[in-house]
Amino acid sequence: MARSRRQALLGGVHIALKNTGLDDDTYRDLLAHTFGVRSSAHLSEADLVRLVIMLQGKAPAPPAPPVADAPAPAPAFKAWPRRPQPRPGNEKLCAKIRACCITLKKEGLTNLPSDRDALEYADATAKRMFYRDKDNIPVRHEWLEHAQLYALAQALETHLRRHGLVYDRRD
């Protein structure tokens, strides 16, 4: 009986989380700051009830964690919502790939309706280059190893140069 109550509370947490629109990192930071854990699976039933109430907005949110003296450096990579973050050290290559794809779109070298689709073009190119024989796996260029990212950036830049273009670094 206690197991089903716990499962119901965990389900309530996930429903409330979906309704709040918090991303996974923010949610895990909230758990770590408030309860000292990074997963709701490690909470007691009483803490799960508190978390559900907090996520439903019926209880005040915990105070924000103390801010460090030094401000966090601004990321060089311009993040897109719902896109995976690149591995540390790969931000510049991902920004270059993004710029190349947007330049391809602006110059009409692809039939992509939006800049977001330009990143999907990079993903599809990465899949063709590195995962050609695996049809059932999704590929995001942000997940690639550094050497693979470098090869993808070079391929996109070569594609631009063939048409007499240079990628726009300002995007």
Protein backbone atom coordinates (compact mmCIF):
# COMPACT_ATOMS: atom_id res chain seq x y z
CA MET A 1 0.00 0.00 0.00
CA ALA A 2 2.79 2.42 0.86
CA ARG A 3 4.45 1.66 -2.47
CA SER A 4 1.39 2.72 -4.47
CA ARG A 5 1.08 5.98 -2.47
CA ARG A 6 4.73 6.72 -3.19
CA GLN A 7 4.22 6.03 -6.91
CA ALA A 8 1.16 8.30 -6.91
CA LEU A 9 3.18 11.06 -5.26
CA LEU A 10 6.01 10.65 -7.80
CA GLY A 11 3.43 10.83 -10.59
CA GLY A 12 2.00 13.98 -8.99
CA VAL A 13 5.49 15.49 -8.91
CA HIS A 14 5.99 14.84 -12.61
CA ILE A 15 2.55 16.22 -13.53
CA ALA A 16 3.14 19.35 -11.45
CA LEU A 17 6.61 19.68 -12.97
CA LYS A 18 5.18 19.47 -16.48
CA ASN A 19 2.60 22.15 -15.63
CA THR A 20 5.26 24.52 -14.29
CA GLY A 21 7.40 24.25 -17.41
CA LEU A 22 10.69 23.97 -15.49
CA ASP A 23 13.57 22.50 -17.43
CA ASP A 24 15.40 19.49 -16.03
CA ASP A 25 18.48 21.38 -14.79
CA THR A 26 16.39 23.95 -12.92
CA TYR A 27 14.26 21.21 -11.39
CA ARG A 28 17.32 19.28 -10.21
CA ASP A 29 18.88 22.46 -8.79
CA LEU A 30 15.62 23.12 -6.92
CA LEU A 31 15.72 19.59 -5.49
CA ALA A 32 19.37 19.94 -4.50
CA HIS A 33 18.84 23.32 -2.84
CA THR A 34 15.61 22.45 -1.03
CA PHE A 35 16.01 18.75 -0.16
CA GLY A 36 19.69 18.00 -0.71
CA VAL A 37 19.08 15.40 -3.46
CA ARG A 38 19.18 15.55 -7.27
CA SER A 39 16.31 13.08 -7.87
CA SER A 40 12.80 12.89 -6.47
CA ALA A 41 13.23 9.11 -6.15
CA HIS A 42 15.43 9.76 -3.10
CA LEU A 43 12.77 11.78 -1.24
CA SER A 44 10.60 10.53 1.60
CA GLU A 45 6.81 10.58 1.26
CA ALA A 46 6.57 13.72 3.39
CA ASP A 47 9.15 15.47 1.22
CA LEU A 48 7.29 14.34 -1.92
CA VAL A 49 4.11 15.93 -0.58
CA ARG A 50 6.02 19.15 0.15
CA LEU A 51 7.50 19.09 -3.37
CA VAL A 52 4.10 18.59 -5.04
CA ILE A 53 2.64 21.47 -3.04
CA MET A 54 5.63 23.65 -3.88
CA LEU A 55 5.41 22.86 -7.61
CA GLN A 56 1.67 23.53 -7.66
CA GLY A 57 2.38 27.02 -6.34
CA LYS A 58 0.54 26.51 -3.06
CA ALA A 59 3.65 27.00 -0.97
CA PRO A 60 6.31 29.65 -1.17
CA ALA A 61 9.36 28.70 -3.14
CA PRO A 62 12.54 28.20 -1.15
CA PRO A 63 14.92 31.11 -1.01
CA ALA A 64 17.35 31.35 -3.88
CA PRO A 65 20.80 29.88 -3.29
CA PRO A 66 23.44 32.41 -2.35
CA VAL A 67 25.09 34.09 -5.31
CA ALA A 68 28.84 33.74 -5.61
CA ASP A 69 30.96 36.88 -5.59
CA ALA A 70 32.26 36.38 -9.11
CA PRO A 71 29.61 36.50 -11.84
CA ALA A 72 29.36 33.45 -14.06
CA PRO A 73 30.95 33.97 -17.48
CA ALA A 74 28.50 34.49 -20.31
CA PRO A 75 28.45 31.48 -22.63
CA ALA A 76 30.00 32.04 -26.02
CA PHE A 77 27.42 29.70 -27.50
CA LYS A 78 24.00 31.22 -28.15
CA ALA A 79 21.72 28.50 -26.79
CA TRP A 80 18.46 27.53 -28.46
CA PRO A 81 15.54 26.42 -26.33
CA ARG A 82 15.02 22.67 -26.36
CA ARG A 83 18.41 22.02 -27.96
CA PRO A 84 21.05 20.04 -26.07
CA GLN A 85 23.94 22.02 -24.70
CA PRO A 86 27.31 21.27 -26.30
CA ARG A 87 30.01 19.57 -24.30
CA PRO A 88 32.42 21.90 -22.50
CA GLY A 89 35.06 23.09 -24.94
CA ASN A 90 32.85 22.55 -28.01
CA GLU A 91 30.82 25.77 -27.74
CA LYS A 92 32.83 27.65 -30.39
CA LEU A 93 32.58 24.84 -32.92
CA CYS A 94 28.82 24.57 -32.33
CA ALA A 95 28.49 28.33 -32.80
CA LYS A 96 30.47 28.07 -36.07
CA ILE A 97 28.24 25.23 -37.28
CA ARG A 98 25.15 27.27 -36.40
CA ALA A 99 26.52 30.30 -38.27
CA CYS A 100 27.35 28.20 -41.34
CA CYS A 101 23.87 26.67 -41.41
CA ILE A 102 22.12 30.02 -41.02
CA THR A 103 24.27 31.49 -43.81
CA LEU A 104 23.32 28.54 -46.03
CA LYS A 105 19.67 29.27 -45.32
CA LYS A 106 20.00 33.05 -45.87
CA GLU A 107 21.69 32.53 -49.22
CA GLY A 108 18.97 30.14 -50.37
CA LEU A 109 21.24 27.11 -50.63
CA THR A 110 18.75 25.05 -48.66
CA ASN A 111 14.97 25.01 -48.62
CA LEU A 112 14.70 25.42 -44.86
CA PRO A 113 11.76 27.48 -43.53
CA SER A 114 13.41 28.67 -40.30
CA ASP A 115 16.73 29.10 -38.50
CA ARG A 116 15.75 26.25 -36.18
CA ASP A 117 15.55 23.99 -39.21
CA ALA A 118 19.06 25.13 -40.08
CA LEU A 119 20.28 23.33 -36.96
CA GLU A 120 18.32 20.27 -38.01
CA TYR A 121 20.24 20.49 -41.30
CA ALA A 122 23.47 20.27 -39.27
CA ASP A 123 22.05 17.28 -37.39
CA ALA A 124 21.10 15.51 -40.62
CA THR A 125 24.54 16.24 -42.10
CA ALA A 126 26.20 14.84 -38.98
CA LYS A 127 24.07 11.71 -39.22
CA ARG A 128 25.02 11.25 -42.88
CA MET A 129 28.71 11.76 -42.08
CA PHE A 130 29.10 9.67 -38.93
CA TYR A 131 26.06 7.43 -38.37
CA ARG A 132 25.01 6.48 -41.90
CA ASP A 133 24.34 2.82 -41.07
CA LYS A 134 22.22 3.50 -37.96
CA ASP A 135 18.77 4.63 -39.05
CA ASN A 136 16.95 4.38 -35.75
CA ILE A 137 19.06 6.69 -33.57
CA PRO A 138 18.59 10.44 -33.30
CA VAL A 139 21.70 12.53 -33.82
CA ARG A 140 22.30 16.07 -32.57
CA HIS A 141 25.48 17.79 -33.61
CA GLU A 142 25.95 19.02 -30.02
CA TRP A 143 26.46 15.37 -28.94
CA LEU A 144 29.40 14.75 -31.28
CA GLU A 145 32.99 14.32 -30.18
CA HIS A 146 35.34 17.24 -30.77
CA ALA A 147 37.00 15.65 -33.84
CA GLN A 148 33.60 14.90 -35.39
CA LEU A 149 32.39 18.45 -34.71
CA TYR A 150 35.52 19.83 -36.34
CA ALA A 151 34.95 17.66 -39.44
CA LEU A 152 31.30 18.78 -39.62
CA ALA A 153 32.29 22.45 -39.34
CA GLN A 154 34.87 22.00 -42.09
CA ALA A 155 32.34 20.25 -44.35
CA LEU A 156 29.78 23.05 -43.91
CA GLU A 157 32.41 25.74 -44.45
CA THR A 158 33.60 23.95 -47.61
CA HIS A 159 30.01 23.82 -48.85
CA LEU A 160 29.79 27.59 -48.39
CA ARG A 161 33.14 28.24 -50.09
CA ARG A 162 32.04 26.22 -53.13
CA HIS A 163 29.36 28.85 -53.63
CA GLY A 164 31.75 31.75 -53.02
CA LEU A 165 30.44 32.49 -49.51
CA VAL A 166 31.88 32.83 -46.03
CA TYR A 167 29.82 32.11 -42.93
CA ASP A 168 28.52 35.15 -41.07
CA ARG A 169 30.26 35.21 -37.69
CA ARG A 170 27.79 37.73 -36.26
CA ASP A 171 24.85 35.29 -36.03
